[in-house]
Amino acid sequence: MGSVALCAQTSGAEGPKPASATTQAANAAVLQELPFADKTAFELAHKGFIAPLSPALIKGKAGNTVWNPEQFLFIREGEPSPDTVNASF
């Protein structure tokens, strides 16, 4: 298997940056290398599923954000991943 490209998103006012051509090419290559047609892992993950995570923001004792589920709204089961995200994740 080839290399895996990762792209960190920035959290500043400028928002996330688009994927570079190199990142797009590396992520597209993963789609060709891994068996995404095999849905066994997804089916097994759904076995015993109890409930989705709460959409609520979780804060620590000092008022700091510990968990913000809105950061992961780009993840949609059954939909292609954005160009900035490696499909193997």
N, C-alpha and C. Protein backbone atom coordinates (compact mmCIF):
# COMPACT_ATOMS: atom_id res chain seq x y z
N MET A 1 0.84 -1.16 0.00
CA MET A 1 0.00 0.00 0.00
C MET A 1 0.89 1.23 0.00
N GLY A 2 0.43 2.31 -0.63
CA GLY A 2 1.20 3.54 -0.74
C GLY A 2 1.14 4.36 0.54
N SER A 3 1.62 5.56 0.45
CA SER A 3 1.64 6.44 1.61
C SER A 3 0.27 7.04 1.86
N VAL A 4 0.06 7.51 3.07
CA VAL A 4 -1.20 8.12 3.47
C VAL A 4 -0.96 9.60 3.69
N ALA A 5 -1.75 10.44 3.05
CA ALA A 5 -1.61 11.89 3.23
C ALA A 5 -2.64 12.37 4.24
N LEU A 6 -2.20 13.20 5.15
CA LEU A 6 -3.08 13.77 6.15
C LEU A 6 -3.14 15.27 5.94
N CYS A 7 -4.27 15.86 6.25
CA CYS A 7 -4.40 17.30 6.12
C CYS A 7 -5.06 17.84 7.37
N ALA A 8 -4.36 18.70 8.08
CA ALA A 8 -4.93 19.31 9.29
C ALA A 8 -5.76 20.50 8.89
N GLN A 9 -6.92 20.64 9.52
CA GLN A 9 -7.76 21.79 9.27
C GLN A 9 -7.43 22.87 10.29
N THR A 10 -7.45 24.09 9.84
CA THR A 10 -7.21 25.19 10.75
C THR A 10 -8.52 25.60 11.39
N SER A 11 -8.44 26.19 12.57
CA SER A 11 -9.65 26.58 13.27
C SER A 11 -9.79 28.10 13.35
N GLY A 12 -8.98 28.82 12.59
CA GLY A 12 -9.03 30.27 12.63
C GLY A 12 -10.18 30.81 11.81
N ALA A 13 -10.26 32.12 11.74
CA ALA A 13 -11.34 32.78 11.02
C ALA A 13 -11.31 32.47 9.53
N GLU A 14 -10.14 32.13 8.99
CA GLU A 14 -10.03 31.86 7.56
C GLU A 14 -10.68 30.54 7.17
N GLY A 15 -10.96 29.68 8.11
CA GLY A 15 -11.61 28.40 7.82
C GLY A 15 -10.64 27.37 7.28
N PRO A 16 -11.16 26.19 6.93
CA PRO A 16 -10.28 25.12 6.44
C PRO A 16 -9.73 25.46 5.06
N LYS A 17 -8.54 24.98 4.79
CA LYS A 17 -7.89 25.20 3.50
C LYS A 17 -8.29 24.06 2.56
N PRO A 18 -8.38 24.32 1.26
CA PRO A 18 -8.67 23.24 0.32
C PRO A 18 -7.49 22.28 0.22
N ALA A 19 -7.76 21.08 -0.22
CA ALA A 19 -6.70 20.08 -0.38
C ALA A 19 -5.81 20.47 -1.55
N SER A 20 -4.52 20.26 -1.37
CA SER A 20 -3.57 20.50 -2.47
C SER A 20 -3.73 19.39 -3.50
N ALA A 21 -3.18 19.59 -4.67
CA ALA A 21 -3.24 18.56 -5.72
C ALA A 21 -2.56 17.28 -5.25
N THR A 22 -1.48 17.41 -4.48
CA THR A 22 -0.76 16.24 -3.96
C THR A 22 -1.63 15.46 -2.99
N THR A 23 -2.31 16.18 -2.09
CA THR A 23 -3.20 15.52 -1.13
C THR A 23 -4.37 14.85 -1.85
N GLN A 24 -4.95 15.54 -2.81
CA GLN A 24 -6.06 14.95 -3.58
C GLN A 24 -5.62 13.67 -4.29
N ALA A 25 -4.45 13.69 -4.90
CA ALA A 25 -3.94 12.51 -5.61
C ALA A 25 -3.67 11.36 -4.66
N ALA A 26 -3.06 11.66 -3.51
CA ALA A 26 -2.76 10.61 -2.53
C ALA A 26 -4.05 10.00 -1.98
N ASN A 27 -5.02 10.84 -1.68
CA ASN A 27 -6.29 10.34 -1.15
C ASN A 27 -7.07 9.55 -2.19
N ALA A 28 -7.01 9.97 -3.45
CA ALA A 28 -7.68 9.23 -4.53
C ALA A 28 -7.03 7.86 -4.72
N ALA A 29 -5.71 7.79 -4.54
CA ALA A 29 -5.01 6.51 -4.69
C ALA A 29 -5.48 5.50 -3.65
N VAL A 30 -5.79 5.98 -2.44
CA VAL A 30 -6.27 5.08 -1.38
C VAL A 30 -7.58 4.42 -1.80
N LEU A 31 -8.43 5.16 -2.49
CA LEU A 31 -9.70 4.59 -2.95
C LEU A 31 -9.49 3.41 -3.89
N GLN A 32 -8.38 3.43 -4.63
CA GLN A 32 -8.06 2.34 -5.55
C GLN A 32 -7.37 1.17 -4.85
N GLU A 33 -6.70 1.43 -3.74
CA GLU A 33 -5.89 0.41 -3.08
C GLU A 33 -6.65 -0.41 -2.04
N LEU A 34 -7.62 0.18 -1.38
CA LEU A 34 -8.32 -0.52 -0.30
C LEU A 34 -9.66 -1.07 -0.78
N PRO A 35 -10.15 -2.15 -0.17
CA PRO A 35 -11.39 -2.81 -0.62
C PRO A 35 -12.66 -2.13 -0.08
N PHE A 36 -12.96 -0.92 -0.56
CA PHE A 36 -14.12 -0.18 -0.04
C PHE A 36 -15.45 -0.83 -0.42
N ALA A 37 -15.46 -1.72 -1.40
CA ALA A 37 -16.69 -2.41 -1.77
C ALA A 37 -17.08 -3.45 -0.71
N ASP A 38 -16.12 -3.90 0.08
CA ASP A 38 -16.37 -4.88 1.14
C ASP A 38 -16.93 -4.14 2.35
N LYS A 39 -18.21 -4.32 2.62
CA LYS A 39 -18.89 -3.59 3.71
C LYS A 39 -18.94 -4.37 5.02
N THR A 40 -18.17 -5.46 5.13
CA THR A 40 -18.19 -6.30 6.33
C THR A 40 -17.87 -5.50 7.59
N ALA A 41 -16.85 -4.68 7.56
CA ALA A 41 -16.46 -3.90 8.74
C ALA A 41 -17.58 -2.96 9.17
N PHE A 42 -18.27 -2.35 8.21
CA PHE A 42 -19.37 -1.46 8.54
C PHE A 42 -20.54 -2.23 9.15
N GLU A 43 -20.83 -3.40 8.59
CA GLU A 43 -21.92 -4.23 9.12
C GLU A 43 -21.60 -4.68 10.55
N LEU A 44 -20.36 -5.07 10.81
CA LEU A 44 -19.98 -5.50 12.15
C LEU A 44 -20.02 -4.33 13.14
N ALA A 45 -19.67 -3.13 12.67
CA ALA A 45 -19.71 -1.96 13.55
C ALA A 45 -21.13 -1.63 13.97
N HIS A 46 -22.11 -1.95 13.12
CA HIS A 46 -23.51 -1.66 13.45
C HIS A 46 -24.12 -2.71 14.38
N LYS A 47 -23.50 -3.87 14.46
CA LYS A 47 -24.01 -4.90 15.37
C LYS A 47 -23.85 -4.42 16.81
N GLY A 48 -24.88 -4.48 17.56
CA GLY A 48 -24.81 -4.08 18.96
C GLY A 48 -24.83 -2.57 19.16
N PHE A 49 -25.07 -1.82 18.10
CA PHE A 49 -25.13 -0.36 18.21
C PHE A 49 -26.27 0.03 19.13
N ILE A 50 -26.00 0.87 20.11
CA ILE A 50 -27.03 1.26 21.09
C ILE A 50 -27.63 2.62 20.75
N ALA A 51 -26.79 3.62 20.58
CA ALA A 51 -27.30 4.97 20.32
C ALA A 51 -26.18 5.85 19.76
N PRO A 52 -26.55 6.89 19.03
CA PRO A 52 -25.52 7.81 18.56
C PRO A 52 -24.99 8.67 19.69
N LEU A 53 -23.84 9.28 19.47
CA LEU A 53 -23.29 10.20 20.45
C LEU A 53 -24.19 11.41 20.59
N SER A 54 -24.20 11.99 21.76
CA SER A 54 -24.98 13.21 22.00
C SER A 54 -24.39 14.34 21.16
N PRO A 55 -25.26 15.18 20.58
CA PRO A 55 -24.75 16.32 19.82
C PRO A 55 -24.33 17.49 20.71
N ALA A 56 -24.45 17.32 22.03
CA ALA A 56 -24.16 18.41 22.97
C ALA A 56 -22.66 18.66 23.11
N LEU A 57 -22.33 19.91 23.29
CA LEU A 57 -20.97 20.33 23.57
C LEU A 57 -20.64 19.91 25.00
N ILE A 58 -19.46 19.32 25.21
CA ILE A 58 -19.05 18.90 26.56
C ILE A 58 -17.92 19.81 27.01
N LYS A 59 -18.08 20.37 28.18
CA LYS A 59 -17.08 21.30 28.72
C LYS A 59 -16.45 20.72 29.98
N GLY A 60 -15.20 21.11 30.23
CA GLY A 60 -14.47 20.70 31.42
C GLY A 60 -14.82 21.59 32.60
N LYS A 61 -14.24 21.29 33.74
CA LYS A 61 -14.51 22.05 34.97
C LYS A 61 -14.17 23.53 34.81
N ALA A 62 -13.15 23.84 34.04
CA ALA A 62 -12.72 25.23 33.86
C ALA A 62 -13.52 25.94 32.76
N GLY A 63 -14.50 25.25 32.18
CA GLY A 63 -15.30 25.85 31.12
C GLY A 63 -14.73 25.67 29.73
N ASN A 64 -13.61 24.96 29.65
CA ASN A 64 -12.99 24.71 28.36
C ASN A 64 -13.74 23.61 27.60
N THR A 65 -13.72 23.68 26.30
CA THR A 65 -14.38 22.66 25.48
C THR A 65 -13.54 21.39 25.49
N VAL A 66 -14.17 20.28 25.87
CA VAL A 66 -13.51 18.99 25.89
C VAL A 66 -13.92 18.18 24.65
N TRP A 67 -15.18 18.29 24.24
CA TRP A 67 -15.68 17.54 23.09
C TRP A 67 -16.67 18.42 22.34
N ASN A 68 -16.42 18.63 21.05
CA ASN A 68 -17.31 19.41 20.21
C ASN A 68 -17.67 18.56 19.00
N PRO A 69 -18.83 17.91 19.03
CA PRO A 69 -19.19 17.01 17.93
C PRO A 69 -19.38 17.73 16.59
N GLU A 70 -19.57 19.04 16.60
CA GLU A 70 -19.73 19.77 15.35
C GLU A 70 -18.45 19.74 14.51
N GLN A 71 -17.30 19.48 15.15
CA GLN A 71 -16.05 19.39 14.40
C GLN A 71 -16.02 18.18 13.48
N PHE A 72 -16.93 17.24 13.68
CA PHE A 72 -16.92 16.00 12.92
C PHE A 72 -18.13 15.87 12.00
N LEU A 73 -18.83 16.97 11.75
CA LEU A 73 -20.01 16.93 10.90
C LEU A 73 -19.68 16.58 9.45
N PHE A 74 -18.41 16.70 9.06
CA PHE A 74 -18.02 16.36 7.69
C PHE A 74 -18.03 14.84 7.48
N ILE A 75 -18.11 14.06 8.56
CA ILE A 75 -18.11 12.60 8.45
C ILE A 75 -19.55 12.13 8.26
N ARG A 76 -19.82 11.55 7.12
CA ARG A 76 -21.15 11.04 6.79
C ARG A 76 -21.01 9.62 6.25
N GLU A 77 -21.59 8.68 6.95
CA GLU A 77 -21.51 7.28 6.50
C GLU A 77 -22.19 7.13 5.15
N GLY A 78 -21.51 6.45 4.24
CA GLY A 78 -22.06 6.19 2.92
C GLY A 78 -21.81 7.29 1.91
N GLU A 79 -21.20 8.38 2.34
CA GLU A 79 -20.89 9.49 1.44
C GLU A 79 -19.38 9.56 1.23
N PRO A 80 -18.95 10.04 0.07
CA PRO A 80 -17.50 10.16 -0.15
C PRO A 80 -16.88 11.16 0.82
N SER A 81 -15.65 10.92 1.18
CA SER A 81 -14.96 11.83 2.08
C SER A 81 -14.54 13.09 1.31
N PRO A 82 -14.41 14.22 2.02
CA PRO A 82 -13.90 15.42 1.35
C PRO A 82 -12.48 15.21 0.82
N ASP A 83 -12.06 16.02 -0.12
CA ASP A 83 -10.72 15.90 -0.71
C ASP A 83 -9.62 16.04 0.33
N THR A 84 -9.91 16.71 1.46
CA THR A 84 -8.91 16.94 2.48
C THR A 84 -8.77 15.77 3.45
N VAL A 85 -9.65 14.76 3.33
CA VAL A 85 -9.68 13.65 4.29
C VAL A 85 -9.37 12.34 3.58
N ASN A 86 -8.45 11.58 4.13
CA ASN A 86 -8.11 10.28 3.58
C ASN A 86 -9.29 9.33 3.80
N ALA A 87 -9.73 8.66 2.75
CA ALA A 87 -10.91 7.80 2.81
C ALA A 87 -10.76 6.62 3.76
N SER A 88 -9.54 6.27 4.12
CA SER A 88 -9.33 5.13 5.02
C SER A 88 -9.73 5.47 6.46
N PHE A 89 -9.92 6.75 6.75
CA PHE A 89 -10.35 7.14 8.10
C PHE A 89 -11.83 7.00 8.18
